[in-house]
Amino acid sequence: MRPEGINFALVGVGGQGTILASDVLAELGLRLGYDVKKAEVHGMSQRGGSVTSHLRWGAQVFSPIIPRGEADVLIAFEKLEAARFIEILKPGGLALVNDYAIEPLTVLTAGVPYPGDEVLRERLTQVTPHAYWVKGIEIAEGLGNARVANMVLLGALSGLLNLDEDQWNAVLEHRVPAKHLNINRQAFHAGREAVAAAV
């Protein structure tokens, strides 16, 4: 039985493919028969600033904006962003985190220390026991292209949500240029495999 609706919050840093991932999820929702709304905030996306996307699937969605504490799923393409935006996730929701650090300007210029993994993980567990950490960059680099880490995360999400894999594949074919399709598919399936033991 499919859910009545899903609220997705996607967060990352400029250049990580956060918006493409959001576009894929939006098209998937439409193919599955949902009304879909989405909105994005691009910060200083070209200089490593935060990028966030709100995406809602439902029978009838009036606004794309997800209130604090009402996201069913938080997808973080960078782990500090996961901690920064965890409060948008509902208690007990699903957090999917790329286990990868990109030091923000405050670390690079002001000497503010980047939080340790223990601190970041504790921050997430205060909100949900359902946090999955995926080595997206490491997996993508193993395939030969770190830029497909976003597809690794989407593959992991597809495994955790158990949504129709054929529909995912159809969206990838439509959204990804043909010359990049094969490696994106490989990344997607590697992401599914990465969480297979957890579901």
Protein backbone atom coordinates (compact mmCIF):
# COMPACT_ATOMS: atom_id res chain seq x y z
CA MET A 1 0.00 0.00 0.00
CA ARG A 2 1.50 3.33 -1.03
CA PRO A 3 1.66 6.26 1.40
CA GLU A 4 -0.95 9.03 1.12
CA GLY A 5 1.86 11.53 0.73
CA ILE A 6 5.51 12.16 1.54
CA ASN A 7 7.30 15.38 2.49
CA PHE A 8 10.96 15.41 1.42
CA ALA A 9 13.57 17.95 2.52
CA LEU A 10 16.82 17.82 0.56
CA VAL A 11 19.86 19.74 1.79
CA GLY A 12 23.38 20.03 0.49
CA VAL A 13 26.12 22.32 -0.71
CA GLY A 14 26.32 24.00 -4.10
CA GLY A 15 27.60 21.67 -6.80
CA GLN A 16 26.47 18.42 -5.16
CA GLY A 17 23.49 17.79 -7.43
CA THR A 18 20.85 18.53 -4.80
CA ILE A 19 18.52 20.16 -7.32
CA LEU A 20 18.83 17.33 -9.85
CA ALA A 21 17.96 14.87 -7.08
CA SER A 22 14.93 17.00 -6.22
CA ASP A 23 13.88 17.08 -9.88
CA VAL A 24 14.11 13.28 -10.06
CA LEU A 25 11.94 12.90 -6.96
CA ALA A 26 9.41 15.41 -8.30
CA GLU A 27 9.03 13.53 -11.58
CA LEU A 28 8.84 10.21 -9.75
CA GLY A 29 5.99 11.53 -7.61
CA LEU A 30 4.09 12.65 -10.71
CA ARG A 31 4.59 9.25 -12.35
CA LEU A 32 3.25 7.59 -9.21
CA GLY A 33 0.09 9.69 -9.44
CA TYR A 34 0.72 12.28 -6.73
CA ASP A 35 0.17 16.01 -6.84
CA VAL A 36 3.68 17.43 -6.45
CA LYS A 37 4.96 20.83 -5.34
CA LYS A 38 8.57 21.89 -4.79
CA ALA A 39 10.58 24.96 -3.88
CA GLU A 40 14.30 25.65 -3.67
CA VAL A 41 16.66 28.04 -1.93
CA HIS A 42 20.04 28.39 -3.61
CA GLY A 43 22.09 30.37 -1.07
CA MET A 44 25.61 30.99 -2.37
CA SER A 45 25.40 27.78 -4.35
CA GLN A 46 28.34 28.58 -6.60
CA ARG A 47 30.65 29.16 -3.63
CA GLY A 48 29.84 26.23 -1.44
CA GLY A 49 26.75 27.72 0.17
CA SER A 50 23.75 25.73 1.34
CA VAL A 51 21.17 24.50 -1.14
CA THR A 52 17.81 23.32 0.16
CA SER A 53 14.79 21.89 -1.61
CA HIS A 54 11.32 21.26 -0.21
CA LEU A 55 9.31 18.65 -2.10
CA ARG A 56 5.84 17.40 -1.25
CA TRP A 57 3.82 14.51 -2.67
CA GLY A 58 0.13 14.22 -1.82
CA ALA A 59 -3.41 13.86 -3.10
CA GLN A 60 -3.66 17.67 -3.24
CA VAL A 61 -0.71 19.84 -2.23
CA PHE A 62 -1.28 23.58 -1.80
CA SER A 63 2.21 24.73 -0.79
CA PRO A 64 5.68 23.29 -1.32
CA ILE A 65 6.98 24.64 1.97
CA ILE A 66 7.43 22.05 4.71
CA PRO A 67 6.93 23.43 8.23
CA ARG A 68 9.46 22.64 10.92
CA GLY A 69 9.04 19.10 12.23
CA GLU A 70 6.88 17.90 9.32
CA ALA A 71 9.33 16.40 6.80
CA ASP A 72 8.92 12.64 6.51
CA VAL A 73 12.33 12.32 4.87
CA LEU A 74 15.51 14.39 5.18
CA ILE A 75 18.14 13.71 2.51
CA ALA A 76 21.47 15.38 3.31
CA PHE A 77 24.23 15.37 0.72
CA GLU A 78 26.70 16.72 3.31
CA LYS A 79 26.72 15.65 6.95
CA LEU A 80 26.94 19.06 8.65
CA GLU A 81 23.92 20.14 6.60
CA ALA A 82 22.06 17.15 8.07
CA ALA A 83 22.68 18.44 11.58
CA ARG A 84 21.86 22.04 10.63
CA PHE A 85 18.49 21.12 9.14
CA ILE A 86 17.47 18.15 11.30
CA GLU A 87 14.69 20.14 12.98
CA ILE A 88 12.65 20.08 9.77
CA LEU A 89 12.33 16.30 10.17
CA LYS A 90 9.37 14.94 12.09
CA PRO A 91 10.23 12.88 15.18
CA GLY A 92 10.94 9.34 14.04
CA GLY A 93 11.25 10.36 10.38
CA LEU A 94 13.81 9.02 7.93
CA ALA A 95 17.20 10.74 7.70
CA LEU A 96 19.52 9.71 4.88
CA VAL A 97 22.99 11.23 5.13
CA ASN A 98 25.96 11.28 2.80
CA ASP A 99 28.86 10.54 5.17
CA TYR A 100 31.01 13.29 3.71
CA ALA A 101 32.28 16.66 4.92
CA ILE A 102 32.63 19.90 2.98
CA GLU A 103 34.09 22.55 5.25
CA PRO A 104 31.96 25.73 5.21
CA LEU A 105 33.38 29.25 5.05
CA THR A 106 33.21 29.60 8.84
CA VAL A 107 35.66 26.71 9.16
CA LEU A 108 37.89 27.85 6.31
CA THR A 109 38.08 31.55 7.21
CA ALA A 110 37.15 31.94 10.88
CA GLY A 111 38.81 28.83 12.27
CA VAL A 112 35.56 27.42 13.68
CA PRO A 113 36.11 23.67 14.10
CA TYR A 114 34.07 21.26 11.99
CA PRO A 115 31.99 19.12 14.39
CA GLY A 116 33.10 15.54 14.95
CA ASP A 117 31.06 12.57 13.77
CA GLU A 118 29.93 11.74 17.30
CA VAL A 119 28.44 15.22 17.72
CA LEU A 120 26.67 15.08 14.35
CA ARG A 121 25.25 11.60 14.91
CA GLU A 122 24.03 12.53 18.39
CA ARG A 123 22.26 15.56 16.92
CA LEU A 124 20.33 13.33 14.54
CA THR A 125 19.47 10.68 17.12
CA GLN A 126 17.82 13.38 19.24
CA VAL A 127 15.15 13.53 16.53
CA THR A 128 15.03 10.05 15.01
CA PRO A 129 16.40 6.53 15.45
CA HIS A 130 16.03 6.09 11.68
CA ALA A 131 19.22 7.75 10.43
CA TYR A 132 21.15 6.00 7.67
CA TRP A 133 24.70 7.06 6.83
CA VAL A 134 25.87 6.21 3.33
CA LYS A 135 29.41 6.72 2.01
CA GLY A 136 28.08 8.30 -1.17
CA ILE A 137 31.30 9.96 -2.32
CA GLU A 138 33.37 6.86 -1.62
CA ILE A 139 30.94 4.67 -3.57
CA ALA A 140 30.76 7.17 -6.45
CA GLU A 141 34.55 7.48 -6.63
CA GLY A 142 34.74 3.70 -6.76
CA LEU A 143 32.58 3.89 -9.89
CA GLY A 144 34.89 6.50 -11.37
CA ASN A 145 33.01 9.77 -10.84
CA ALA A 146 32.40 11.49 -7.49
CA ARG A 147 29.70 13.65 -9.09
CA VAL A 148 27.21 10.74 -9.09
CA ALA A 149 27.09 10.61 -5.28
CA ASN A 150 23.63 12.19 -5.49
CA MET A 151 22.41 9.13 -7.40
CA VAL A 152 23.97 6.86 -4.77
CA LEU A 153 21.80 8.63 -2.19
CA LEU A 154 18.68 8.36 -4.36
CA GLY A 155 19.35 4.66 -4.84
CA ALA A 156 19.62 4.25 -1.07
CA LEU A 157 16.35 6.16 -0.66
CA SER A 158 14.61 3.92 -3.19
CA GLY A 159 15.65 0.88 -1.19
CA LEU A 160 14.50 2.37 2.12
CA LEU A 161 11.11 3.51 0.78
CA ASN A 162 10.57 0.37 -1.32
CA LEU A 163 9.06 2.28 -4.24
CA ASP A 164 8.70 0.82 -7.75
CA GLU A 165 12.22 0.45 -9.20
CA ASP A 166 10.92 0.49 -12.79
CA GLN A 167 9.49 3.97 -12.24
CA TRP A 168 12.83 5.17 -10.84
CA ASN A 169 14.61 3.81 -13.91
CA ALA A 170 12.14 5.55 -16.22
CA VAL A 171 12.77 8.87 -14.48
CA LEU A 172 16.54 8.46 -14.69
CA GLU A 173 16.26 7.78 -18.43
CA HIS A 174 14.25 10.97 -18.83
CA ARG A 175 16.31 13.23 -16.56
CA VAL A 176 19.91 12.14 -17.14
CA PRO A 177 21.71 12.84 -20.46
CA ALA A 178 22.28 9.61 -22.41
CA LYS A 179 26.07 9.84 -22.20
CA HIS A 180 25.89 9.89 -18.38
CA LEU A 181 23.02 7.44 -17.93
CA ASN A 182 25.05 4.27 -17.44
CA ILE A 183 27.20 5.56 -14.58
CA ASN A 184 24.18 7.19 -12.93
CA ARG A 185 22.33 3.87 -13.06
CA GLN A 186 25.36 2.12 -11.57
CA ALA A 187 25.45 4.68 -8.77
CA PHE A 188 21.72 4.29 -8.14
CA HIS A 189 21.99 0.50 -7.82
CA ALA A 190 25.09 0.78 -5.64
CA GLY A 191 23.08 2.99 -3.29
CA ARG A 192 20.29 0.42 -3.11
CA GLU A 193 22.84 -2.25 -2.25
CA ALA A 194 24.44 -0.03 0.40
CA VAL A 195 21.25 0.00 2.49
CA ALA A 196 19.96 -3.47 1.59
CA ALA A 197 21.24 -4.95 4.85
CA ALA A 198 19.50 -2.23 6.85
CA VAL A 199 15.95 -2.86 5.60
